[in-house]
Amino acid sequence: MSFHAITDLNVETELKGKRVLLRCDLNVPIKDGVIRDDGRIRASLPTIKYLLEAGASVVIMAHLGRPKNGPAPEFSLAPVAHRLGDLLDSPVVFASDVVGPEASAKRAALTSGEVLLLENIRFETAETSKDDHERKALAEKLVEGMDLYVSDGFGAVHRKHASVFDVAQLLPHAAGFLVAAEITVLKKLTEEPERPYGVVLGGSKVSDKIGVIKNLLEKVDVMAIGGGMLFTFLAAQGHEIGKSLVEVDLIDDVKRLISEAERLGVKLLLPTDIVVAPTFAADAPPTLVSASAIPADQMGLDIGPESAALFAEAIQECKTVFWNGPMGVFEFPNFAHGTQVVAQALTLVTGISVVGGGDSAAAVRALGFSDDQFGYISTGGGASLEYLEGKTLPGIEVLSHA
């Protein structure tokens, strides 16, 4: 799949003095009005700066969270506008609506070298509508007076949303630096990766990752399973898992995956020891047990130190590694060790190590790692996973159309 990148555009004729509608992924964690991790804002900076330096004016669309019924104060992008201004060292104009009177007035007043951030695009219910006509109607309002659409919100490209899909059909379009970089990295993971190739998967549910496991089994040399999803694997092997998270309806599917890994000669690593606790709580007393003997009154909340060391050794032997999903409840210090060890191992990979967005990206930053310690940190967990499942991403597919 090929598409134009912004560097393919002629600065003098296609960017200078032009009004650019830019889709970013600024979906950052905010608590009590304070941004907890500005990684996605920082990831958007190269494209924004390039457009500004080329003499364009930039209108940014972005979402925050999943507001259900229109505007809600806790989902406002106002704190993001302030932080973006700090990082650009230049004020960012903020509109408290998306296509309403304030947005229209501020768009009209925008001059070259200025940035306007529209309020949360998902405050417009048509943004996520399944009705093509509703989305198109919103898209038509968004593109009024604009010359070019740039797609740089990789975390949303797996969604057929108005600001991702429909606007690209109404304007000349190009991919920003972030989207182009993400696709380049994902191609490395799926098309002739340097071997040995290892994949580490965690997170809470097998159902979130089963498509990725099925699609990657034929491509990898080693696959390690941690997080809450590992207990469905242990159950499939007939082990007692106590009160641990399990998806009973997927046990037969997991049994088939285990058999398929064996048939393909893929080294499937499952934990040998588990850190358990009686309740899901930060202050719950941790106990180390064998993965084959979890007490009936306990739940697994992390992989054990032996397993973490085993995973780390396998990771460091690989030339290509993709990791998505924490190994345990990393937010609780007593159950963060497995995730810490796996993250540390990825920093030592001599080839390319990719942290697959979402909770994985949040985990490495929360545990004190810096982005530059890894080969690449994706901004889009769901989008990355769907690409690795072999699915078509609507927001990428539409960019390949003239």
Protein backbone atom coordinates (compact mmCIF):
# COMPACT_ATOMS: atom_id res chain seq x y z
CA MET A 1 0.00 0.00 0.00
CA SER A 2 1.45 3.35 -1.00
CA PHE A 3 0.38 6.90 -0.16
CA HIS A 4 1.75 10.41 -0.22
CA ALA A 5 3.69 11.64 2.79
CA ILE A 6 3.86 15.34 3.60
CA THR A 7 7.49 15.35 2.46
CA ASP A 8 6.23 14.46 -1.05
CA LEU A 9 4.34 17.76 -1.19
CA ASN A 10 5.77 20.87 -2.81
CA VAL A 11 6.28 23.35 0.02
CA GLU A 12 5.86 26.45 -2.14
CA THR A 13 2.72 25.39 -4.01
CA GLU A 14 1.02 22.86 -1.72
CA LEU A 15 1.85 24.02 1.83
CA LYS A 16 2.91 27.67 1.99
CA GLY A 17 -0.10 29.83 2.78
CA LYS A 18 -2.39 26.80 2.77
CA ARG A 19 -4.92 25.82 5.41
CA VAL A 20 -4.23 22.29 6.61
CA LEU A 21 -6.74 20.10 8.45
CA LEU A 22 -4.65 17.77 10.61
CA ARG A 23 -5.90 14.69 12.45
CA CYS A 24 -3.73 13.98 15.49
CA ASP A 25 -3.95 11.42 18.27
CA LEU A 26 -3.89 13.51 21.45
CA ASN A 27 -5.77 10.94 23.53
CA VAL A 28 -3.63 11.33 26.65
CA PRO A 29 -4.42 10.25 30.21
CA ILE A 30 -5.80 13.19 32.21
CA LYS A 31 -6.73 13.15 35.88
CA ASP A 32 -8.18 16.19 37.65
CA GLY A 33 -7.22 18.31 34.67
CA VAL A 34 -3.57 17.21 34.78
CA ILE A 35 -1.97 15.32 31.87
CA ARG A 36 -0.26 12.19 33.24
CA ASP A 37 1.64 11.20 30.09
CA ASP A 38 2.15 13.59 27.17
CA GLY A 39 3.80 11.00 24.91
CA ARG A 40 1.14 11.22 22.21
CA ILE A 41 1.31 15.02 22.16
CA ARG A 42 5.08 14.86 21.72
CA ALA A 43 4.69 12.28 18.96
CA SER A 44 2.55 14.77 17.01
CA LEU A 45 5.09 17.60 17.18
CA PRO A 46 7.26 16.75 14.12
CA THR A 47 4.32 16.95 11.72
CA ILE A 48 2.88 20.10 13.30
CA LYS A 49 6.25 21.86 13.25
CA TYR A 50 6.92 20.84 9.64
CA LEU A 51 3.60 22.27 8.48
CA LEU A 52 4.12 25.50 10.42
CA GLU A 53 7.68 25.95 9.15
CA ALA A 54 6.36 25.43 5.61
CA GLY A 55 4.09 28.43 6.13
CA ALA A 56 0.78 26.64 6.55
CA SER A 57 -1.92 27.33 9.12
CA VAL A 58 -3.02 24.21 10.96
CA VAL A 59 -6.44 23.19 12.27
CA ILE A 60 -6.12 20.11 14.50
CA MET A 61 -8.83 17.53 15.09
CA ALA A 62 -8.36 15.02 17.92
CA HIS A 63 -10.34 12.95 20.39
CA LEU A 64 -10.05 12.27 24.10
CA GLY A 65 -11.62 9.22 25.69
CA ARG A 66 -15.03 7.92 24.75
CA PRO A 67 -17.71 10.51 25.59
CA LYS A 68 -21.09 8.83 25.22
CA ASN A 69 -23.60 11.62 24.73
CA GLY A 70 -21.90 14.71 23.38
CA PRO A 71 -19.84 17.26 25.36
CA ALA A 72 -18.57 16.38 28.85
CA PRO A 73 -16.11 18.58 30.79
CA GLU A 74 -13.87 15.68 31.82
CA PHE A 75 -13.21 14.91 28.14
CA SER A 76 -12.31 18.46 27.09
CA LEU A 77 -9.10 18.98 25.11
CA ALA A 78 -8.47 22.36 26.79
CA PRO A 79 -5.56 20.99 28.92
CA VAL A 80 -4.08 19.45 25.77
CA ALA A 81 -4.16 22.80 23.96
CA HIS A 82 -2.25 24.37 26.83
CA ARG A 83 0.37 21.59 26.88
CA LEU A 84 0.75 21.63 23.10
CA GLY A 85 1.38 25.36 23.25
CA ASP A 86 4.10 24.81 25.85
CA LEU A 87 5.79 22.17 23.70
CA LEU A 88 5.59 24.31 20.55
CA ASP A 89 6.74 27.35 22.52
CA SER A 90 3.89 29.20 20.84
CA PRO A 91 0.25 29.76 21.83
CA VAL A 92 -2.31 27.31 20.48
CA VAL A 93 -5.74 28.75 19.79
CA PHE A 94 -8.50 26.58 21.26
CA ALA A 95 -12.11 26.36 20.10
CA SER A 96 -14.64 25.14 22.65
CA ASP A 97 -16.70 23.52 19.90
CA VAL A 98 -15.93 21.44 16.79
CA VAL A 99 -17.97 22.88 13.93
CA GLY A 100 -19.95 25.48 15.87
CA PRO A 101 -19.73 29.30 15.76
CA GLU A 102 -16.56 29.60 17.86
CA ALA A 103 -14.68 27.07 15.75
CA SER A 104 -15.85 28.76 12.55
CA ALA A 105 -14.78 32.21 13.73
CA LYS A 106 -11.38 31.06 14.93
CA ARG A 107 -10.74 29.07 11.77
CA ALA A 108 -11.54 32.14 9.67
CA ALA A 109 -9.13 34.28 11.70
CA LEU A 110 -6.23 31.81 11.53
CA THR A 111 -3.12 33.00 9.69
CA SER A 112 0.01 31.24 8.41
CA GLY A 113 2.12 29.76 11.18
CA GLU A 114 -0.80 29.52 13.63
CA VAL A 115 -2.41 26.47 15.19
CA LEU A 116 -6.06 25.96 16.16
CA LEU A 117 -7.11 22.92 18.19
CA LEU A 118 -10.78 22.06 17.92
CA GLU A 119 -12.64 20.65 20.92
CA ASN A 120 -12.92 16.86 21.25
CA ILE A 121 -14.10 15.59 17.86
CA ARG A 122 -16.12 12.86 19.60
CA PHE A 123 -18.37 15.50 21.15
CA GLU A 124 -19.96 15.36 17.67
CA THR A 125 -21.84 12.05 17.71
CA ALA A 126 -21.65 11.89 13.90
CA GLU A 127 -17.87 11.35 14.21
CA THR A 128 -18.33 7.71 15.21
CA SER A 129 -21.67 7.09 13.47
CA LYS A 130 -22.22 3.87 11.53
CA ASP A 131 -24.34 5.91 9.12
CA ASP A 132 -22.18 6.99 6.15
CA HIS A 133 -24.39 10.01 5.45
CA GLU A 134 -24.10 11.32 9.03
CA ARG A 135 -20.33 11.04 8.99
CA LYS A 136 -20.06 12.65 5.57
CA ALA A 137 -22.22 15.59 6.70
CA LEU A 138 -19.82 16.24 9.58
CA ALA A 139 -16.81 15.79 7.31
CA GLU A 140 -18.18 18.38 4.90
CA LYS A 141 -18.36 20.92 7.73
CA LEU A 142 -14.83 20.04 8.88
CA VAL A 143 -13.28 20.61 5.44
CA GLU A 144 -14.94 23.99 4.78
CA GLY A 145 -12.24 26.46 3.75
CA MET A 146 -9.44 23.89 4.07
CA ASP A 147 -6.91 23.08 1.33
CA LEU A 148 -5.34 19.83 2.50
CA TYR A 149 -5.94 16.95 4.91
CA VAL A 150 -3.02 15.37 6.75
CA SER A 151 -3.55 12.13 8.65
CA ASP A 152 -1.28 11.77 11.66
CA GLY A 153 -3.55 10.21 14.30
CA PHE A 154 -2.33 6.63 14.00
CA GLY A 155 -4.18 5.53 17.12
CA ALA A 156 -7.50 6.08 15.29
CA VAL A 157 -6.75 4.81 11.76
CA HIS A 158 -8.46 1.49 12.44
CA ARG A 159 -11.74 3.38 12.88
CA LYS A 160 -14.05 4.40 10.04
CA HIS A 161 -14.67 7.79 11.63
CA ALA A 162 -15.47 11.11 9.97
CA SER A 163 -12.18 12.80 10.94
CA VAL A 164 -10.12 9.78 9.87
CA PHE A 165 -11.90 8.33 6.86
CA ASP A 166 -14.49 10.65 5.37
CA VAL A 167 -12.49 13.91 5.33
CA ALA A 168 -9.75 12.17 3.31
CA GLN A 169 -12.29 11.61 0.53
CA LEU A 170 -13.09 15.31 0.35
CA LEU A 171 -9.63 16.91 0.26
CA PRO A 172 -6.20 16.29 -1.23
CA HIS A 173 -4.45 14.23 1.45
CA ALA A 174 -1.13 13.00 2.79
CA ALA A 175 0.24 11.05 5.73
CA GLY A 176 2.07 12.84 8.51
CA PHE A 177 5.42 11.71 9.92
CA LEU A 178 3.85 9.64 12.70
CA VAL A 179 1.52 7.61 10.48
CA ALA A 180 4.29 7.02 7.93
CA ALA A 181 6.70 5.89 10.68
CA GLU A 182 4.15 3.56 12.26
CA ILE A 183 3.41 1.83 8.95
CA THR A 184 7.13 1.49 8.20
CA VAL A 185 7.71 -0.20 11.57
CA LEU A 186 4.69 -2.49 11.22
CA LYS A 187 5.87 -3.58 7.79
CA LYS A 188 9.19 -4.56 9.38
CA LEU A 189 7.26 -6.75 11.80
CA THR A 190 5.23 -8.50 9.11
CA GLU A 191 7.36 -8.52 5.96
CA GLU A 192 10.69 -10.36 6.30
CA PRO A 193 11.63 -9.39 9.89
CA GLU A 194 15.22 -9.98 10.94
CA ARG A 195 15.42 -13.25 12.87
CA PRO A 196 15.11 -14.57 15.48
CA TYR A 197 11.74 -12.85 15.75
CA GLY A 198 10.02 -12.75 19.14
CA VAL A 199 6.58 -11.54 20.21
CA VAL A 200 5.63 -10.90 23.84
CA LEU A 201 1.93 -10.55 24.55
CA GLY A 202 0.22 -9.61 27.80
CA GLY A 203 -2.76 -7.63 28.94
CA SER A 204 -5.94 -8.90 30.46
CA LYS A 205 -7.83 -10.77 27.74
CA VAL A 206 -7.00 -13.46 25.20
CA SER A 207 -9.93 -12.19 23.12
CA ASP A 208 -8.06 -8.91 22.51
CA LYS A 209 -5.00 -10.71 21.13
CA ILE A 210 -6.22 -13.99 19.64
CA GLY A 211 -6.28 -12.58 16.10
CA VAL A 212 -2.69 -11.37 16.45
CA ILE A 213 -1.55 -14.73 17.84
CA LYS A 214 -3.16 -16.62 14.96
CA ASN A 215 -1.68 -14.31 12.32
CA LEU A 216 1.82 -14.10 13.79
CA LEU A 217 2.34 -17.74 14.73
CA GLU A 218 3.51 -18.52 11.21
CA LYS A 219 5.90 -15.56 11.22
CA VAL A 220 7.66 -15.76 14.61
CA ASP A 221 10.29 -17.95 16.22
CA VAL A 222 9.27 -17.39 19.82
CA MET A 223 6.07 -16.16 21.49
CA ALA A 224 5.81 -15.40 25.20
CA ILE A 225 2.46 -15.05 26.96
CA GLY A 226 1.96 -13.07 30.19
CA GLY A 227 -0.64 -10.81 31.77
CA GLY A 228 -4.20 -11.82 32.61
CA MET A 229 -4.51 -13.66 29.29
CA LEU A 230 -2.00 -16.31 30.41
CA PHE A 231 -4.54 -17.93 32.76
CA THR A 232 -6.72 -19.03 29.86
CA PHE A 233 -3.60 -20.75 28.50
CA LEU A 234 -2.95 -22.43 31.87
CA ALA A 235 -6.58 -23.51 32.06
CA ALA A 236 -6.26 -24.96 28.56
CA GLN A 237 -3.39 -27.08 29.87
CA GLY A 238 -5.61 -28.33 32.68
CA HIS A 239 -4.02 -26.33 35.51
CA GLU A 240 -5.84 -24.87 38.52
CA ILE A 241 -5.98 -21.07 38.16
CA GLY A 242 -7.85 -20.11 41.33
CA LYS A 243 -9.70 -16.81 41.08
CA SER A 244 -7.57 -15.62 38.15
CA LEU A 245 -9.08 -14.01 35.08
CA VAL A 246 -10.16 -16.59 32.50
CA GLU A 247 -12.18 -16.62 29.27
CA VAL A 248 -13.76 -20.04 29.44
CA ASP A 249 -15.29 -19.80 25.97
CA LEU A 250 -11.82 -19.46 24.44
CA ILE A 251 -10.16 -22.45 26.12
CA ASP A 252 -10.70 -24.70 23.09
CA ASP A 253 -9.30 -22.01 20.76
CA VAL A 254 -6.25 -21.68 22.98
CA LYS A 255 -5.75 -25.45 22.96
CA ARG A 256 -5.65 -25.29 19.16
CA LEU A 257 -3.15 -22.40 19.27
CA ILE A 258 -0.87 -24.38 21.58
CA SER A 259 -1.01 -27.35 19.18
CA GLU A 260 -0.42 -25.08 16.18
CA ALA A 261 2.67 -23.52 17.80
CA GLU A 262 4.05 -27.00 18.39
CA ARG A 263 3.34 -28.01 14.78
CA LEU A 264 5.07 -24.90 13.44
CA GLY A 265 8.06 -25.28 15.73
CA VAL A 266 7.38 -21.96 17.44
CA LYS A 267 8.78 -21.74 20.96
CA LEU A 268 5.72 -20.89 23.05
CA LEU A 269 6.78 -19.54 26.43
CA LEU A 270 4.29 -19.70 29.29
CA PRO A 271 5.12 -18.70 32.88
CA THR A 272 6.42 -21.33 35.27
CA ASP A 273 5.78 -19.25 38.39
CA ILE A 274 3.10 -16.72 39.28
CA VAL A 275 2.74 -13.95 41.86
CA VAL A 276 -0.71 -14.32 43.41
CA ALA A 277 -2.84 -12.45 45.94
CA PRO A 278 -6.24 -13.01 47.57
CA THR A 279 -7.70 -9.79 46.13
CA PHE A 280 -7.11 -7.30 43.33
CA ALA A 281 -5.59 -4.48 45.38
CA ALA A 282 -2.32 -2.56 45.61
CA ASP A 283 -1.84 -3.59 49.24
CA ALA A 284 -2.81 -7.24 48.73
CA PRO A 285 -0.09 -9.56 50.13
CA PRO A 286 1.86 -11.16 47.24
CA THR A 287 2.77 -14.86 47.29
CA LEU A 288 4.94 -16.71 44.78
CA VAL A 289 3.55 -20.05 43.58
CA SER A 290 4.09 -22.55 40.78
CA ALA A 291 2.09 -21.84 37.63
CA SER A 292 0.71 -25.35 37.88
CA ALA A 293 -0.46 -24.97 41.48
CA ILE A 294 -2.32 -21.67 41.98
CA PRO A 295 -4.38 -21.94 45.20
CA ALA A 296 -8.16 -21.90 44.71
CA ASP A 297 -8.57 -18.77 46.86
CA GLN A 298 -5.86 -16.72 45.08
CA MET A 299 -5.65 -14.81 41.79
CA GLY A 300 -2.58 -14.33 39.61
CA LEU A 301 -1.48 -10.69 39.29
CA ASP A 302 2.02 -11.00 37.78
CA ILE A 303 4.42 -13.48 36.26
CA GLY A 304 7.05 -14.70 38.72
CA PRO A 305 10.78 -13.85 38.74
CA GLU A 306 11.79 -17.19 37.17
CA SER A 307 9.36 -16.61 34.31
CA ALA A 308 10.46 -12.98 33.88
CA ALA A 309 14.09 -14.10 33.62
CA LEU A 310 13.11 -16.78 31.08
CA PHE A 311 11.21 -14.23 28.98
CA ALA A 312 14.09 -11.73 29.21
CA GLU A 313 16.63 -14.30 28.04
CA ALA A 314 14.47 -15.21 25.04
CA ILE A 315 13.91 -11.53 24.17
CA GLN A 316 17.60 -10.67 24.25
CA GLU A 317 18.39 -13.48 21.81
CA CYS A 318 16.02 -11.97 19.22
CA LYS A 319 16.83 -9.42 16.52
CA THR A 320 13.19 -8.32 16.15
CA VAL A 321 10.79 -8.06 19.11
CA PHE A 322 7.22 -6.82 19.34
CA TRP A 323 5.69 -6.38 22.78
CA ASN A 324 2.08 -5.53 23.54
CA GLY A 325 0.48 -5.79 26.97
CA PRO A 326 1.95 -5.69 30.49
CA MET A 327 2.97 -8.90 32.24
CA GLY A 328 1.00 -8.06 35.38
CA VAL A 329 -0.77 -5.27 37.21
CA PHE A 330 2.15 -2.86 36.77
CA GLU A 331 0.21 -0.03 38.45
CA PHE A 332 0.64 -1.93 41.76
CA PRO A 333 4.33 -2.01 42.83
CA ASN A 334 3.98 -5.53 44.26
CA PHE A 335 2.95 -6.81 40.83
CA ALA A 336 5.11 -4.72 38.48
CA HIS A 337 8.30 -6.82 38.49
CA GLY A 338 7.47 -8.95 35.44
CA THR A 339 6.68 -5.93 33.29
CA GLN A 340 9.82 -4.16 34.52
CA VAL A 341 12.06 -7.10 33.59
CA VAL A 342 10.51 -7.53 30.14
CA ALA A 343 10.82 -3.79 29.43
CA GLN A 344 14.46 -3.84 30.53
CA ALA A 345 15.15 -6.79 28.21
CA LEU A 346 13.67 -4.89 25.26
CA THR A 347 16.12 -2.04 25.84
CA LEU A 348 18.97 -4.52 25.30
CA VAL A 349 17.77 -5.91 21.95
CA THR A 350 20.47 -5.33 19.32
CA GLY A 351 17.97 -5.28 16.44
CA ILE A 352 14.59 -3.55 16.59
CA SER A 353 12.34 -3.58 19.65
CA VAL A 354 8.79 -2.28 19.26
CA VAL A 355 6.55 -1.40 22.20
CA GLY A 356 3.00 -1.75 20.91
CA GLY A 357 1.26 1.32 22.27
CA GLY A 358 -1.61 1.49 24.75
CA ASP A 359 -0.92 0.06 28.21
CA SER A 360 2.53 -1.10 27.14
CA ALA A 361 3.67 2.43 26.32
CA ALA A 362 2.12 3.74 29.55
CA ALA A 363 3.86 0.98 31.51
CA VAL A 364 7.39 1.68 30.27
CA ARG A 365 7.03 5.37 31.06
CA ALA A 366 5.43 4.72 34.45
CA LEU A 367 8.29 2.37 35.32
CA GLY A 368 10.90 5.01 34.58
CA PHE A 369 12.07 4.11 31.08
CA SER A 370 12.54 6.75 28.41
CA ASP A 371 11.24 6.44 24.85
CA ASP A 372 14.72 6.49 23.33
CA GLN A 373 15.66 3.27 25.14
CA PHE A 374 13.47 1.34 22.70
CA GLY A 375 13.59 0.94 18.95
CA TYR A 376 10.08 2.31 18.60
CA ILE A 377 7.09 3.03 20.82
CA SER A 378 3.83 2.87 18.92
CA THR A 379 1.11 5.39 19.70
CA GLY A 380 -1.73 3.09 18.66
CA GLY A 381 -2.31 -0.13 20.53
CA GLY A 382 -5.55 -1.13 18.80
CA ALA A 383 -4.41 0.05 15.36
CA SER A 384 -1.10 -1.81 15.69
CA LEU A 385 -2.84 -5.01 16.73
CA GLU A 386 -5.35 -4.86 13.88
CA TYR A 387 -2.53 -4.32 11.37
CA LEU A 388 -0.66 -7.31 12.81
CA GLU A 389 -3.86 -9.35 12.58
CA GLY A 390 -3.78 -8.69 8.85
CA LYS A 391 -6.84 -6.44 8.89
CA THR A 392 -7.33 -3.46 6.60
CA LEU A 393 -7.14 -0.13 8.42
CA PRO A 394 -9.76 2.24 6.91
CA GLY A 395 -7.78 5.37 7.77
CA ILE A 396 -4.72 4.02 5.94
CA GLU A 397 -6.58 2.45 3.03
CA VAL A 398 -8.31 5.76 2.21
CA LEU A 399 -4.94 7.55 1.95
CA SER A 400 -3.95 5.29 -0.93
CA HIS A 401 -6.82 6.65 -3.04
CA ALA A 402 -6.16 9.70 -5.16
